[in-house]
PDB file of N, CA and C in Angstrom:
ATOM      1  N   MET A   1      80.933 -23.535 -26.977  1.00  0.00           N
ATOM      2  CA  MET A   1      81.577 -24.450 -27.891  1.00  0.00           C
ATOM      3  C   MET A   1      82.781 -23.736 -28.509  1.00  0.00           C
ATOM      4  N   ALA A   2      83.856 -24.453 -28.661  1.00  0.00           N
ATOM      5  CA  ALA A   2      85.070 -23.888 -29.248  1.00  0.00           C
ATOM      6  C   ALA A   2      84.843 -23.561 -30.720  1.00  0.00           C
ATOM      7  N   ARG A   3      85.514 -22.511 -31.197  1.00  0.00           N
ATOM      8  CA  ARG A   3      85.418 -22.110 -32.596  1.00  0.00           C
ATOM      9  C   ARG A   3      86.826 -21.833 -33.110  1.00  0.00           C
ATOM     10  N   ILE A   4      87.136 -22.334 -34.279  1.00  0.00           N
ATOM     11  CA  ILE A   4      88.460 -22.145 -34.869  1.00  0.00           C
ATOM     12  C   ILE A   4      88.308 -21.366 -36.161  1.00  0.00           C
ATOM     13  N   GLN A   5      89.074 -20.316 -36.335  1.00  0.00           N
ATOM     14  CA  GLN A   5      89.073 -19.529 -37.564  1.00  0.00           C
ATOM     15  C   GLN A   5      90.334 -19.852 -38.356  1.00  0.00           C
ATOM     16  N   LEU A   6      90.183 -20.234 -39.612  1.00  0.00           N
ATOM     17  CA  LEU A   6      91.316 -20.492 -40.489  1.00  0.00           C
ATOM     18  C   LEU A   6      91.449 -19.345 -41.482  1.00  0.00           C
ATOM     19  N   ARG A   7      92.583 -18.657 -41.488  1.00  0.00           N
ATOM     20  CA  ARG A   7      92.801 -17.602 -42.476  1.00  0.00           C
ATOM     21  C   ARG A   7      92.980 -18.255 -43.841  1.00  0.00           C
ATOM     22  N   PRO A   8      92.290 -17.785 -44.866  1.00  0.00           N
ATOM     23  CA  PRO A   8      92.475 -18.344 -46.201  1.00  0.00           C
ATOM     24  C   PRO A   8      93.893 -18.065 -46.705  1.00  0.00           C
ATOM     25  N   CYS A   9      94.500 -19.023 -47.366  1.00  0.00           N
ATOM     26  CA  CYS A   9      95.838 -18.880 -47.924  1.00  0.00           C
ATOM     27  C   CYS A   9      95.795 -19.266 -49.400  1.00  0.00           C
ATOM     28  N   GLU A  10      96.860 -18.941 -50.131  1.00  0.00           N
ATOM     29  CA  GLU A  10      96.896 -19.237 -51.559  1.00  0.00           C
ATOM     30  C   GLU A  10      96.962 -20.744 -51.818  1.00  0.00           C
ATOM     31  N   ASN A  11      97.690 -21.465 -50.980  1.00  0.00           N
ATOM     32  CA  ASN A  11      97.759 -22.924 -51.096  1.00  0.00           C
ATOM     33  C   ASN A  11      98.191 -23.505 -49.760  1.00  0.00           C
ATOM     34  N   GLU A  12      98.053 -24.803 -49.607  1.00  0.00           N
ATOM     35  CA  GLU A  12      98.318 -25.422 -48.294  1.00  0.00           C
ATOM     36  C   GLU A  12      99.788 -25.387 -47.890  1.00  0.00           C
ATOM     37  N   PHE A  13     100.697 -25.128 -48.840  1.00  0.00           N
ATOM     38  CA  PHE A  13     102.129 -25.134 -48.535  1.00  0.00           C
ATOM     39  C   PHE A  13     102.697 -23.742 -48.302  1.00  0.00           C
ATOM     40  N   LYS A  14     101.832 -22.724 -48.345  1.00  0.00           N
ATOM     41  CA  LYS A  14     102.286 -21.357 -48.110  1.00  0.00           C
ATOM     42  C   LYS A  14     102.823 -21.236 -46.687  1.00  0.00           C
ATOM     43  N   GLN A  15     103.911 -20.500 -46.531  1.00  0.00           N
ATOM     44  CA  GLN A  15     104.514 -20.338 -45.210  1.00  0.00           C
ATOM     45  C   GLN A  15     103.516 -19.675 -44.263  1.00  0.00           C
ATOM     46  N   ASP A  16     103.434 -20.179 -43.053  1.00  0.00           N
ATOM     47  CA  ASP A  16     102.535 -19.690 -41.998  1.00  0.00           C
ATOM     48  C   ASP A  16     101.062 -19.882 -42.324  1.00  0.00           C
ATOM     49  N   ALA A  17     100.729 -20.787 -43.251  1.00  0.00           N
ATOM     50  CA  ALA A  17      99.330 -21.072 -43.567  1.00  0.00           C
ATOM     51  C   ALA A  17      98.671 -21.755 -42.369  1.00  0.00           C
ATOM     52  N   ASP A  18      97.425 -21.393 -42.112  1.00  0.00           N
ATOM     53  CA  ASP A  18      96.658 -22.015 -41.025  1.00  0.00           C
ATOM     54  C   ASP A  18      96.159 -23.385 -41.454  1.00  0.00           C
ATOM     55  N   PHE A  19      96.227 -24.333 -40.566  1.00  0.00           N
ATOM     56  CA  PHE A  19      95.633 -25.641 -40.799  1.00  0.00           C
ATOM     57  C   PHE A  19      95.436 -26.336 -39.460  1.00  0.00           C
ATOM     58  N   ILE A  20      94.585 -27.353 -39.472  1.00  0.00           N
ATOM     59  CA  ILE A  20      94.337 -28.164 -38.287  1.00  0.00           C
ATOM     60  C   ILE A  20      94.711 -29.595 -38.640  1.00  0.00           C
ATOM     61  N   GLU A  21      95.435 -30.265 -37.765  1.00  0.00           N
ATOM     62  CA  GLU A  21      95.738 -31.686 -37.936  1.00  0.00           C
ATOM     63  C   GLU A  21      95.168 -32.453 -36.757  1.00  0.00           C
ATOM     64  N   ILE A  22      94.355 -33.464 -37.045  1.00  0.00           N
ATOM     65  CA  ILE A  22      93.729 -34.273 -36.004  1.00  0.00           C
ATOM     66  C   ILE A  22      94.197 -35.713 -36.178  1.00  0.00           C
ATOM     67  N   PRO A  23      94.919 -36.269 -35.219  1.00  0.00           N
ATOM     68  CA  PRO A  23      95.377 -37.656 -35.341  1.00  0.00           C
ATOM     69  C   PRO A  23      94.210 -38.639 -35.316  1.00  0.00           C
ATOM     70  N   ILE A  24      94.258 -39.636 -36.198  1.00  0.00           N
ATOM     71  CA  ILE A  24      93.272 -40.711 -36.203  1.00  0.00           C
ATOM     72  C   ILE A  24      93.865 -41.932 -35.510  1.00  0.00           C
ATOM     73  N   ASP A  25      95.067 -42.288 -35.920  1.00  0.00           N
ATOM     74  CA  ASP A  25      95.823 -43.375 -35.303  1.00  0.00           C
ATOM     75  C   ASP A  25      97.300 -43.101 -35.562  1.00  0.00           C
ATOM     76  N   ASP A  26      98.179 -44.089 -35.351  1.00  0.00           N
ATOM     77  CA  ASP A  26      99.617 -43.860 -35.493  1.00  0.00           C
ATOM     78  C   ASP A  26     100.034 -43.480 -36.906  1.00  0.00           C
ATOM     79  N   GLY A  27      99.311 -43.946 -37.897  1.00  0.00           N
ATOM     80  CA  GLY A  27      99.744 -43.714 -39.269  1.00  0.00           C
ATOM     81  C   GLY A  27      98.877 -42.771 -40.072  1.00  0.00           C
ATOM     82  N   ARG A  28      97.816 -42.209 -39.482  1.00  0.00           N
ATOM     83  CA  ARG A  28      96.909 -41.358 -40.254  1.00  0.00           C
ATOM     84  C   ARG A  28      96.457 -40.150 -39.443  1.00  0.00           C
ATOM     85  N   TYR A  29      96.113 -39.072 -40.162  1.00  0.00           N
ATOM     86  CA  TYR A  29      95.515 -37.908 -39.515  1.00  0.00           C
ATOM     87  C   TYR A  29      94.628 -37.176 -40.509  1.00  0.00           C
ATOM     88  N   ILE A  30      93.756 -36.322 -39.995  1.00  0.00           N
ATOM     89  CA  ILE A  30      92.899 -35.477 -40.810  1.00  0.00           C
ATOM     90  C   ILE A  30      93.525 -34.085 -40.845  1.00  0.00           C
ATOM     91  N   LYS A  31      93.630 -33.507 -42.032  1.00  0.00           N
ATOM     92  CA  LYS A  31      94.164 -32.149 -42.189  1.00  0.00           C
ATOM     93  C   LYS A  31      93.059 -31.268 -42.777  1.00  0.00           C
ATOM     94  N   ILE A  32      92.830 -30.106 -42.149  1.00  0.00           N
ATOM     95  CA  ILE A  32      91.802 -29.160 -42.603  1.00  0.00           C
ATOM     96  C   ILE A  32      92.480 -27.808 -42.823  1.00  0.00           C
ATOM     97  N   TYR A  33      92.259 -27.211 -43.998  1.00  0.00           N
ATOM     98  CA  TYR A  33      92.807 -25.894 -44.288  1.00  0.00           C
ATOM     99  C   TYR A  33      91.870 -25.169 -45.257  1.00  0.00           C
ATOM    100  N   ARG A  34      92.130 -23.892 -45.469  1.00  0.00           N
ATOM    101  CA  ARG A  34      91.242 -23.052 -46.277  1.00  0.00           C
ATOM    102  C   ARG A  34      92.063 -22.316 -47.338  1.00  0.00           C
ATOM    103  N   THR A  35      91.601 -22.317 -48.587  1.00  0.00           N
ATOM    104  CA  THR A  35      92.292 -21.612 -49.663  1.00  0.00           C
ATOM    105  C   THR A  35      91.352 -20.593 -50.308  1.00  0.00           C
ATOM    106  N   TYR A  36      91.952 -19.679 -51.065  1.00  0.00           N
ATOM    107  CA  TYR A  36      91.137 -18.702 -51.793  1.00  0.00           C
ATOM    108  C   TYR A  36      91.671 -18.562 -53.214  1.00  0.00           C
ATOM    109  N   GLY A  37      90.834 -18.033 -54.063  1.00  0.00           N
ATOM    110  CA  GLY A  37      91.208 -17.722 -55.431  1.00  0.00           C
ATOM    111  C   GLY A  37      90.455 -16.481 -55.872  1.00  0.00           C
ATOM    112  N   VAL A  38      91.023 -15.765 -56.839  1.00  0.00           N
ATOM    113  CA  VAL A  38      90.388 -14.571 -57.375  1.00  0.00           C
ATOM    114  C   VAL A  38      90.249 -14.771 -58.879  1.00  0.00           C
ATOM    115  N   TYR A  39      89.065 -14.458 -59.406  1.00  0.00           N
ATOM    116  CA  TYR A  39      88.859 -14.587 -60.842  1.00  0.00           C
ATOM    117  C   TYR A  39      88.029 -13.416 -61.355  1.00  0.00           C
ATOM    118  N   GLU A  40      88.108 -13.191 -62.670  1.00  0.00           N
ATOM    119  CA  GLU A  40      87.376 -12.103 -63.299  1.00  0.00           C
ATOM    120  C   GLU A  40      86.052 -12.625 -63.839  1.00  0.00           C
ATOM    121  N   THR A  41      84.974 -11.909 -63.552  1.00  0.00           N
ATOM    122  CA  THR A  41      83.652 -12.302 -64.042  1.00  0.00           C
ATOM    123  C   THR A  41      83.471 -11.827 -65.480  1.00  0.00           C
ATOM    124  N   THR A  42      82.382 -12.256 -66.099  1.00  0.00           N
ATOM    125  CA  THR A  42      82.093 -11.845 -67.483  1.00  0.00           C
ATOM    126  C   THR A  42      81.808 -10.351 -67.581  1.00  0.00           C
ATOM    127  N   LYS A  43      81.442  -9.709 -66.482  1.00  0.00           N
ATOM    128  CA  LYS A  43      81.176  -8.263 -66.458  1.00  0.00           C
ATOM    129  C   LYS A  43      82.437  -7.448 -66.192  1.00  0.00           C
ATOM    130  N   GLY A  44      83.579  -8.118 -66.061  1.00  0.00           N
ATOM    131  CA  GLY A  44      84.836  -7.411 -65.827  1.00  0.00           C
ATOM    132  C   GLY A  44      85.149  -7.147 -64.370  1.00  0.00           C
ATOM    133  N   ASN A  45      84.314  -7.620 -63.473  1.00  0.00           N
ATOM    134  CA  ASN A  45      84.560  -7.468 -62.036  1.00  0.00           C
ATOM    135  C   ASN A  45      85.424  -8.631 -61.551  1.00  0.00           C
ATOM    136  N   TYR A  46      86.055  -8.422 -60.409  1.00  0.00           N
ATOM    137  CA  TYR A  46      86.830  -9.496 -59.806  1.00  0.00           C
ATOM    138  C   TYR A  46      86.052 -10.068 -58.627  1.00  0.00           C
ATOM    139  N   LYS A  47      86.097 -11.355 -58.494  1.00  0.00           N
ATOM    140  CA  LYS A  47      85.372 -12.018 -57.417  1.00  0.00           C
ATOM    141  C   LYS A  47      86.324 -12.970 -56.699  1.00  0.00           C
ATOM    142  N   ARG A  48      86.167 -13.047 -55.399  1.00  0.00           N
ATOM    143  CA  ARG A  48      86.998 -13.934 -54.578  1.00  0.00           C
ATOM    144  C   ARG A  48      86.176 -15.153 -54.189  1.00  0.00           C
ATOM    145  N   GLU A  49      86.789 -16.319 -54.256  1.00  0.00           N
ATOM    146  CA  GLU A  49      86.135 -17.546 -53.809  1.00  0.00           C
ATOM    147  C   GLU A  49      87.027 -18.224 -52.773  1.00  0.00           C
ATOM    148  N   GLU A  50      86.400 -18.860 -51.801  1.00  0.00           N
ATOM    149  CA  GLU A  50      87.138 -19.570 -50.753  1.00  0.00           C
ATOM    150  C   GLU A  50      86.638 -21.002 -50.667  1.00  0.00           C
ATOM    151  N   THR A  51      87.564 -21.893 -50.336  1.00  0.00           N
ATOM    152  CA  THR A  51      87.255 -23.311 -50.249  1.00  0.00           C
ATOM    153  C   THR A  51      87.889 -23.900 -48.994  1.00  0.00           C
ATOM    154  N   VAL A  52      87.130 -24.726 -48.272  1.00  0.00           N
ATOM    155  CA  VAL A  52      87.653 -25.473 -47.128  1.00  0.00           C
ATOM    156  C   VAL A  52      87.977 -26.882 -47.617  1.00  0.00           C
ATOM    157  N   HIS A  53      89.200 -27.347 -47.343  1.00  0.00           N
ATOM    158  CA  HIS A  53      89.660 -28.666 -47.777  1.00  0.00           C
ATOM    159  C   HIS A  53      89.813 -29.582 -46.558  1.00  0.00           C
ATOM    160  N   VAL A  54      89.349 -30.804 -46.684  1.00  0.00           N
ATOM    161  CA  VAL A  54      89.497 -31.812 -45.635  1.00  0.00           C
ATOM    162  C   VAL A  54      90.181 -33.015 -46.270  1.00  0.00           C
ATOM    163  N   LYS A  55      91.351 -33.398 -45.731  1.00  0.00           N
ATOM    164  CA  LYS A  55      92.108 -34.523 -46.273  1.00  0.00           C
ATOM    165  C   LYS A  55      92.400 -35.542 -45.183  1.00  0.00           C
ATOM    166  N   VAL A  56      92.336 -36.803 -45.534  1.00  0.00           N
ATOM    167  CA  VAL A  56      92.840 -37.862 -44.660  1.00  0.00           C
ATOM    168  C   VAL A  56      94.200 -38.242 -45.216  1.00  0.00           C
ATOM    169  N   MET A  57      95.235 -38.023 -44.416  1.00  0.00           N
ATOM    170  CA  MET A  57      96.616 -38.277 -44.829  1.00  0.00           C
ATOM    171  C   MET A  57      97.137 -39.523 -44.116  1.00  0.00           C
ATOM    172  N   ARG A  58      98.067 -40.237 -44.762  1.00  0.00           N
ATOM    173  CA  ARG A  58      98.707 -41.387 -44.115  1.00  0.00           C
ATOM    174  C   ARG A  58     100.169 -41.435 -44.497  1.00  0.00           C
ATOM    175  N   LYS A  59     100.961 -42.077 -43.636  1.00  0.00           N
ATOM    176  CA  LYS A  59     102.384 -42.237 -43.913  1.00  0.00           C
ATOM    177  C   LYS A  59     102.563 -43.202 -45.072  1.00  0.00           C
ATOM    178  N   GLN A  60     103.551 -42.920 -45.917  1.00  0.00           N
ATOM    179  CA  GLN A  60     103.855 -43.827 -47.015  1.00  0.00           C
ATOM    180  C   GLN A  60     104.586 -45.044 -46.454  1.00  0.00           C
ATOM    181  N   ASN A  61     104.060 -46.218 -46.711  1.00  0.00           N
ATOM    182  CA  ASN A  61     104.658 -47.445 -46.169  1.00  0.00           C
ATOM    183  C   ASN A  61     105.946 -47.843 -46.871  1.00  0.00           C
ATOM    184  N   ASN A  62     106.049 -47.542 -48.151  1.00  0.00           N
ATOM    185  CA  ASN A  62     107.196 -48.015 -48.908  1.00  0.00           C
ATOM    186  C   ASN A  62     108.293 -46.963 -49.048  1.00  0.00           C
ATOM    187  N   TYR A  63     108.296 -45.971 -48.194  1.00  0.00           N
ATOM    188  CA  TYR A  63     109.291 -44.910 -48.288  1.00  0.00           C
ATOM    189  C   TYR A  63     110.086 -44.872 -46.993  1.00  0.00           C
ATOM    190  N   HIS A  64     111.393 -44.713 -47.094  1.00  0.00           N
ATOM    191  CA  HIS A  64     112.255 -44.789 -45.905  1.00  0.00           C
ATOM    192  C   HIS A  64     112.133 -43.586 -44.974  1.00  0.00           C
ATOM    193  N   ASP A  65     111.698 -42.452 -45.476  1.00  0.00           N
ATOM    194  CA  ASP A  65     111.570 -41.248 -44.661  1.00  0.00           C
ATOM    195  C   ASP A  65     110.227 -41.250 -43.938  1.00  0.00           C
ATOM    196  N   CYS A  66     110.244 -41.276 -42.621  1.00  0.00           N
ATOM    197  CA  CYS A  66     108.999 -41.367 -41.853  1.00  0.00           C
ATOM    198  C   CYS A  66     108.165 -40.092 -41.925  1.00  0.00           C
ATOM    199  N   ASN A  67     108.700 -39.013 -42.514  1.00  0.00           N
ATOM    200  CA  ASN A  67     107.951 -37.766 -42.636  1.00  0.00           C
ATOM    201  C   ASN A  67     107.253 -37.634 -43.990  1.00  0.00           C
ATOM    202  N   SER A  68     107.204 -38.699 -44.768  1.00  0.00           N
ATOM    203  CA  SER A  68     106.548 -38.651 -46.070  1.00  0.00           C
ATOM    204  C   SER A  68     105.089 -39.072 -45.921  1.00  0.00           C
ATOM    205  N   TRP A  69     104.189 -38.204 -46.386  1.00  0.00           N
ATOM    206  CA  TRP A  69     102.760 -38.438 -46.260  1.00  0.00           C
ATOM    207  C   TRP A  69     102.111 -38.417 -47.632  1.00  0.00           C
ATOM    208  N   GLU A  70     101.006 -39.116 -47.767  1.00  0.00           N
ATOM    209  CA  GLU A  70     100.222 -39.071 -48.997  1.00  0.00           C
ATOM    210  C   GLU A  70      98.752 -38.958 -48.638  1.00  0.00           C
ATOM    211  N   THR A  71      97.970 -38.428 -49.589  1.00  0.00           N
ATOM    212  CA  THR A  71      96.542 -38.235 -49.372  1.00  0.00           C
ATOM    213  C   THR A  71      95.802 -39.544 -49.590  1.00  0.00           C
ATOM    214  N   GLU A  72      95.067 -39.957 -48.582  1.00  0.00           N
ATOM    215  CA  GLU A  72      94.253 -41.168 -48.671  1.00  0.00           C
ATOM    216  C   GLU A  72      92.882 -40.834 -49.259  1.00  0.00           C
ATOM    217  N   SER A  73      92.304 -39.719 -48.830  1.00  0.00           N
ATOM    218  CA  SER A  73      91.039 -39.237 -49.385  1.00  0.00           C
ATOM    219  C   SER A  73      90.941 -37.742 -49.109  1.00  0.00           C
ATOM    220  N   SER A  74      90.122 -37.059 -49.904  1.00  0.00           N
ATOM    221  CA  SER A  74      89.960 -35.622 -49.693  1.00  0.00           C
ATOM    222  C   SER A  74      88.597 -35.167 -50.217  1.00  0.00           C
ATOM    223  N   THR A  75      88.141 -34.067 -49.668  1.00  0.00           N
ATOM    224  CA  THR A  75      86.917 -33.427 -50.133  1.00  0.00           C
ATOM    225  C   THR A  75      87.069 -31.928 -49.923  1.00  0.00           C
ATOM    226  N   SER A  76      86.309 -31.147 -50.671  1.00  0.00           N
ATOM    227  CA  SER A  76      86.380 -29.691 -50.580  1.00  0.00           C
ATOM    228  C   SER A  76      84.976 -29.113 -50.500  1.00  0.00           C
ATOM    229  N   TYR A  77      84.861 -28.000 -49.783  1.00  0.00           N
ATOM    230  CA  TYR A  77      83.591 -27.312 -49.608  1.00  0.00           C
ATOM    231  C   TYR A  77      83.776 -25.846 -49.965  1.00  0.00           C
ATOM    232  N   ASP A  78      82.941 -25.327 -50.864  1.00  0.00           N
ATOM    233  CA  ASP A  78      82.989 -23.911 -51.210  1.00  0.00           C
ATOM    234  C   ASP A  78      82.347 -23.102 -50.087  1.00  0.00           C
ATOM    235  N   VAL A  79      82.967 -21.974 -49.750  1.00  0.00           N
ATOM    236  CA  VAL A  79      82.452 -21.078 -48.720  1.00  0.00           C
ATOM    237  C   VAL A  79      81.592 -20.023 -49.400  1.00  0.00           C
ATOM    238  N   ASP A  80      80.372 -19.838 -48.918  1.00  0.00           N
ATOM    239  CA  ASP A  80      79.460 -18.850 -49.475  1.00  0.00           C
ATOM    240  C   ASP A  80      79.776 -17.494 -48.869  1.00  0.00           C
ATOM    241  N   LEU A  81      80.514 -16.664 -49.602  1.00  0.00           N
ATOM    242  CA  LEU A  81      80.937 -15.354 -49.086  1.00  0.00           C
ATOM    243  C   LEU A  81      79.793 -14.364 -49.067  1.00  0.00           C
ATOM    244  N   GLU A  82      78.758 -14.602 -49.829  1.00  0.00           N
ATOM    245  CA  GLU A  82      77.588 -13.701 -49.870  1.00  0.00           C
ATOM    246  C   GLU A  82      76.820 -13.739 -48.548  1.00  0.00           C
ATOM    247  N   GLN A  83      76.819 -14.882 -47.866  1.00  0.00           N
ATOM    248  CA  GLN A  83      76.052 -15.066 -46.632  1.00  0.00           C
ATOM    249  C   GLN A  83      76.859 -14.656 -45.391  1.00  0.00           C
ATOM    250  N   GLY A  84      78.119 -14.240 -45.555  1.00  0.00           N
ATOM    251  CA  GLY A  84      78.916 -13.845 -44.410  1.00  0.00           C
ATOM    252  C   GLY A  84      79.384 -15.028 -43.596  1.00  0.00           C
ATOM    253  N   GLU A  85      79.449 -16.197 -44.205  1.00  0.00           N
ATOM    254  CA  GLU A  85      79.927 -17.439 -43.592  1.00  0.00           C
ATOM    255  C   GLU A  85      79.084 -17.796 -42.398  1.00  0.00           C
TER     256      GLU A  85
END
């Protein structure tokens, strides 16, 4: 079975960020990407968290530029880094 690895990025618009786009029909597609964040715990340690984002995007109907997209729906999944993914 095929396996795809997405490198975590700071945000979906970062240059060279990994993502997958799957066409649904002429006006919609699914976009999947992975982000990370770093935060300080109450004990003063730093911890990294990663999230996988899944969005259904569609072309804006009322906009003249055919490259304008908007999010139709989205969901996010936290990656458990303790389990080694």
